[in-house]
């Protein structure tokens, strides 16, 4: 779980490449007639131009489709008003980054606003809860408890480690209570604690069927006892 200095340097470069796509994404979202597929293709081109590859298939969804966790971008799917998000990552010399950019385009309803506010608040709670020696699953539990009080829940892990694979230890999920289909040793999950050298994501999301969803995800590293934010995804609002 703990990466050495060379690995962290490569992961930071991967994160840097992902960051370079953020201004492009905002520019693309401002266009009136752009499709989900066109956004995905533009991000892919930007990543490849810097000597990297895609860490995984890019996800772009808006409107009611954003209520899905892993929707594929559609060729004919235009970016419409409402909630949306873009999930992508770079693979630089084999080392991965993973970022999700949430966005609002046009006007949204009060119910949609509650989804966004809950997601962003959950994200802040997660960040404030990460401490050296703290069990990783407890951060998931704290965030899930917060969301449940607001009528939502975490439908996927709160975060995961990064390295040569897009999903590595540590896994921020609750042992024996959720995600039983995944082949993860629960006893191992229970013992995972935050420590120096870890590079991981934090990615809370809220999804409401037939309405929409919101997810924000950034990459963090722990070095010298301090938590460093490596990627800069944030909510993009297009009026």
Protein backbone atom coordinates (compact mmCIF):
# COMPACT_ATOMS: atom_id res chain seq x y z
CA UNK A 1 0.00 0.00 0.00
CA UNK A 2 2.86 2.39 0.75
CA UNK A 3 4.65 3.67 -2.35
CA UNK A 4 8.33 4.56 -2.49
CA UNK A 5 9.70 7.95 -3.54
CA UNK A 6 10.10 6.98 -7.21
CA UNK A 7 6.55 5.63 -7.42
CA UNK A 8 5.07 8.73 -5.80
CA UNK A 9 6.95 10.90 -8.31
CA UNK A 10 5.41 8.95 -11.20
CA UNK A 11 1.94 9.10 -9.61
CA UNK A 12 2.31 12.87 -9.24
CA UNK A 13 3.17 13.13 -12.93
CA UNK A 14 0.08 11.11 -13.80
CA UNK A 15 -1.99 13.43 -11.62
CA UNK A 16 -0.38 16.45 -13.30
CA UNK A 17 -1.48 15.16 -16.71
CA UNK A 18 -5.03 14.67 -15.42
CA UNK A 19 -4.98 18.23 -14.06
CA UNK A 20 -4.04 19.57 -17.48
CA UNK A 21 -7.42 18.35 -18.77
CA UNK A 22 -9.48 20.39 -16.30
CA UNK A 23 -9.41 23.75 -18.17
CA UNK A 24 -10.22 21.87 -21.38
CA UNK A 25 -13.25 20.23 -19.76
CA UNK A 26 -14.64 23.56 -18.59
CA UNK A 27 -14.15 25.03 -22.07
CA UNK A 28 -15.90 22.08 -23.71
CA UNK A 29 -18.87 22.20 -21.34
CA UNK A 30 -19.53 25.81 -22.35
CA UNK A 31 -20.23 24.73 -25.92
CA UNK A 32 -23.93 24.43 -26.75
CA UNK A 33 -23.86 21.45 -29.09
CA UNK A 34 -21.25 19.06 -27.76
CA UNK A 35 -21.75 15.37 -27.11
CA UNK A 36 -20.51 13.13 -24.32
CA UNK A 37 -18.39 11.24 -26.85
CA UNK A 38 -16.75 14.41 -28.15
CA UNK A 39 -15.73 15.38 -24.62
CA UNK A 40 -14.27 11.92 -24.02
CA UNK A 41 -12.33 12.06 -27.29
CA UNK A 42 -10.90 15.49 -26.48
CA UNK A 43 -9.71 14.32 -23.05
CA UNK A 44 -8.16 11.23 -24.60
CA UNK A 45 -6.27 13.34 -27.14
CA UNK A 46 -4.99 15.67 -24.41
CA UNK A 47 -3.72 12.76 -22.31
CA UNK A 48 -2.03 10.99 -25.23
CA UNK A 49 -0.33 14.24 -26.33
CA UNK A 50 1.65 14.16 -23.08
CA UNK A 51 3.10 10.69 -23.49
CA UNK A 52 0.47 8.98 -21.36
CA UNK A 53 -2.45 6.64 -21.98
CA UNK A 54 -5.94 6.32 -20.57
CA UNK A 55 -6.08 4.69 -17.14
CA UNK A 56 -9.58 3.39 -17.97
CA UNK A 57 -12.48 4.12 -20.30
CA UNK A 58 -13.65 7.68 -19.80
CA UNK A 59 -17.10 8.18 -18.27
CA UNK A 60 -19.25 11.15 -19.30
CA UNK A 61 -22.87 11.48 -18.22
CA UNK A 62 -25.40 14.24 -17.80
CA UNK A 63 -29.04 14.68 -16.94
CA UNK A 64 -30.87 11.55 -15.75
CA UNK A 65 -27.98 9.37 -16.98
CA UNK A 66 -25.76 10.82 -14.26
CA UNK A 67 -27.77 8.73 -11.79
CA UNK A 68 -25.74 5.77 -13.09
CA UNK A 69 -22.31 5.08 -11.60
CA UNK A 70 -20.44 3.90 -14.72
CA UNK A 71 -22.31 5.06 -17.84
CA UNK A 72 -20.47 5.00 -21.17
CA UNK A 73 -20.35 8.27 -23.15
CA UNK A 74 -22.80 8.30 -26.07
CA UNK A 75 -21.96 9.40 -29.61
CA UNK A 76 -25.32 11.12 -29.98
CA UNK A 77 -25.67 12.10 -26.33
CA UNK A 78 -25.61 15.89 -26.14
CA UNK A 79 -24.71 17.61 -22.89
CA UNK A 80 -28.03 18.84 -21.56
CA UNK A 81 -29.13 20.98 -18.65
CA UNK A 82 -28.91 19.44 -15.21
CA UNK A 83 -26.30 17.50 -13.28
CA UNK A 84 -23.40 15.62 -14.78
CA UNK A 85 -19.89 14.32 -14.20
CA UNK A 86 -16.78 13.26 -16.10
CA UNK A 87 -14.59 10.47 -14.72
CA UNK A 88 -11.17 9.94 -16.30
CA UNK A 89 -7.55 9.21 -15.54
CA UNK A 90 -4.08 9.08 -17.07
CA UNK A 91 -1.62 6.21 -17.06
CA UNK A 92 1.96 7.51 -17.09
CA UNK A 93 4.64 4.83 -17.34
CA UNK A 94 2.03 2.46 -15.91
CA UNK A 95 1.08 4.61 -12.92
CA UNK A 96 -2.53 5.75 -12.73
CA UNK A 97 -4.55 8.81 -11.79
CA UNK A 98 -8.33 8.92 -11.32
CA UNK A 99 -10.40 12.11 -11.31
CA UNK A 100 -14.11 12.86 -11.40
CA UNK A 101 -15.30 16.35 -12.30
CA UNK A 102 -18.92 17.15 -11.36
CA UNK A 103 -20.78 19.85 -13.26
CA UNK A 104 -24.04 21.76 -13.37
CA UNK A 105 -25.28 23.10 -16.68
CA UNK A 106 -28.14 25.56 -16.73
CA UNK A 107 -30.77 25.66 -14.02
CA UNK A 108 -31.34 22.77 -11.62
CA UNK A 109 -34.17 21.91 -9.26
CA UNK A 110 -34.10 22.04 -5.47
CA UNK A 111 -33.85 18.25 -5.36
CA UNK A 112 -30.84 18.31 -7.67
CA UNK A 113 -29.26 21.03 -5.54
CA UNK A 114 -29.62 18.79 -2.48
CA UNK A 115 -27.72 16.05 -4.32
CA UNK A 116 -24.85 18.42 -5.10
CA UNK A 117 -24.73 19.97 -1.62
CA UNK A 118 -24.74 16.55 0.07
CA UNK A 119 -21.93 15.28 -2.16
CA UNK A 120 -19.70 18.29 -1.58
CA UNK A 121 -20.35 18.23 2.16
CA UNK A 122 -19.54 14.49 2.25
CA UNK A 123 -16.28 15.21 0.43
CA UNK A 124 -15.26 17.78 3.05
CA UNK A 125 -16.13 15.41 5.88
CA UNK A 126 -14.00 12.67 4.31
CA UNK A 127 -10.98 14.95 3.94
CA UNK A 128 -11.22 16.20 7.51
CA UNK A 129 -11.41 12.61 8.78
CA UNK A 130 -8.19 11.29 7.21
CA UNK A 131 -5.46 10.92 9.82
CA UNK A 132 -2.33 8.81 10.11
CA UNK A 133 -3.22 5.62 11.97
CA UNK A 134 -6.99 5.98 11.40
CA UNK A 135 -8.72 2.87 10.03
CA UNK A 136 -9.70 3.52 6.42
CA UNK A 137 -13.14 1.93 6.69
CA UNK A 138 -14.13 4.27 9.51
CA UNK A 139 -13.96 7.25 7.13
CA UNK A 140 -16.40 5.47 4.81
CA UNK A 141 -18.72 4.77 7.73
CA UNK A 142 -18.66 8.40 8.86
CA UNK A 143 -19.48 9.72 5.39
CA UNK A 144 -22.18 7.09 4.79
CA UNK A 145 -23.80 7.96 8.14
CA UNK A 146 -23.85 11.64 7.14
CA UNK A 147 -25.49 10.90 3.79
CA UNK A 148 -28.06 8.53 5.26
CA UNK A 149 -29.27 11.28 7.60
CA UNK A 150 -30.05 13.25 4.45
CA UNK A 151 -31.87 10.42 2.73
CA UNK A 152 -28.94 9.25 0.59
CA UNK A 153 -26.25 6.57 0.85
CA UNK A 154 -22.83 5.68 -0.53
CA UNK A 155 -23.44 3.17 -3.30
CA UNK A 156 -19.74 2.50 -3.93
CA UNK A 157 -16.47 2.75 -2.05
CA UNK A 158 -15.44 6.15 -0.71
CA UNK A 159 -11.97 5.75 -2.19
CA UNK A 160 -9.21 3.39 -3.24
CA UNK A 161 -5.47 3.20 -3.61
CA UNK A 162 -3.68 3.94 -6.88
CA UNK A 163 -0.52 2.56 -8.46
CA UNK A 164 0.15 0.26 -11.39
CA UNK A 165 -3.52 -0.71 -11.07
CA UNK A 166 -6.42 1.70 -11.01
CA UNK A 167 -7.86 0.05 -7.89
CA UNK A 168 -5.38 -0.96 -5.20
CA UNK A 169 -5.28 -1.07 -1.41
CA UNK A 170 -6.28 0.74 0.69
CA UNK A 171 -10.00 0.31 0.05
CA UNK A 172 -12.32 2.67 1.89
CA UNK A 173 -15.33 0.44 2.41
CA UNK A 174 -17.01 -1.16 5.42
CA UNK A 175 -15.88 -4.74 6.18
CA UNK A 176 -18.55 -7.44 5.86
CA UNK A 177 -21.37 -4.96 5.41
CA UNK A 178 -21.19 -3.78 1.82
CA UNK A 179 -19.94 -4.84 -1.60
CA UNK A 180 -19.95 -8.56 -0.72
CA UNK A 181 -19.59 -9.55 -4.39
CA UNK A 182 -16.08 -8.12 -4.52
CA UNK A 183 -13.30 -10.59 -3.85
CA UNK A 184 -11.67 -8.66 -1.06
CA UNK A 185 -10.41 -10.14 2.15
CA UNK A 186 -12.55 -8.40 4.73
CA UNK A 187 -10.18 -9.04 7.59
CA UNK A 188 -7.47 -7.29 5.62
CA UNK A 189 -9.80 -4.35 4.91
CA UNK A 190 -10.62 -3.99 8.60
CA UNK A 191 -6.93 -3.61 9.51
CA UNK A 192 -6.03 -1.02 6.85
CA UNK A 193 -4.97 2.31 8.33
CA UNK A 194 -3.75 5.52 6.74
CA UNK A 195 0.05 5.66 6.62
CA UNK A 196 2.92 7.45 4.93
CA UNK A 197 3.44 6.59 1.28
CA UNK A 198 -0.21 5.93 0.50
CA UNK A 199 -1.69 7.42 -2.67
CA UNK A 200 -5.46 7.16 -2.91
CA UNK A 201 -8.68 8.72 -4.12
CA UNK A 202 -11.58 10.24 -2.23
CA UNK A 203 -14.78 10.00 -4.29
CA UNK A 204 -18.16 10.39 -2.59
CA UNK A 205 -21.17 10.28 -4.87
CA UNK A 206 -24.93 10.60 -4.60
CA UNK A 207 -27.24 9.09 -7.23
CA UNK A 208 -31.01 9.39 -7.48
CA UNK A 209 -32.76 7.34 -10.15
CA UNK A 210 -34.68 9.32 -12.80
CA UNK A 211 -33.21 12.57 -11.48
CA UNK A 212 -29.42 12.62 -11.63
CA UNK A 213 -26.22 12.20 -9.68
CA UNK A 214 -23.09 13.95 -8.53
CA UNK A 215 -19.60 12.62 -7.81
CA UNK A 216 -16.35 14.41 -7.05
CA UNK A 217 -13.02 12.61 -6.96
CA UNK A 218 -9.45 13.68 -6.35
CA UNK A 219 -6.13 11.95 -5.71
CA UNK A 220 -4.22 12.41 -2.45
CA UNK A 221 -0.84 11.31 -1.13
CA UNK A 222 0.47 11.06 2.41
CA UNK A 223 4.08 12.17 2.73
CA UNK A 224 5.97 13.04 5.89
CA UNK A 225 2.77 12.76 7.89
CA UNK A 226 0.95 15.31 5.74
CA UNK A 227 -1.87 14.84 3.26
CA UNK A 228 -1.16 16.37 -0.14
CA UNK A 229 -3.84 16.93 -2.78
CA UNK A 230 -2.51 15.89 -6.19
CA UNK A 231 -5.48 16.62 -8.45
CA UNK A 232 -7.73 19.65 -8.61
CA UNK A 233 -11.19 18.52 -9.67
CA UNK A 234 -13.98 20.79 -8.46
CA UNK A 235 -17.60 21.52 -9.26
CA UNK A 236 -17.97 23.33 -12.60
CA UNK A 237 -21.04 25.52 -13.00
CA UNK A 238 -22.09 26.55 -16.51
CA UNK A 239 -24.87 29.12 -16.42
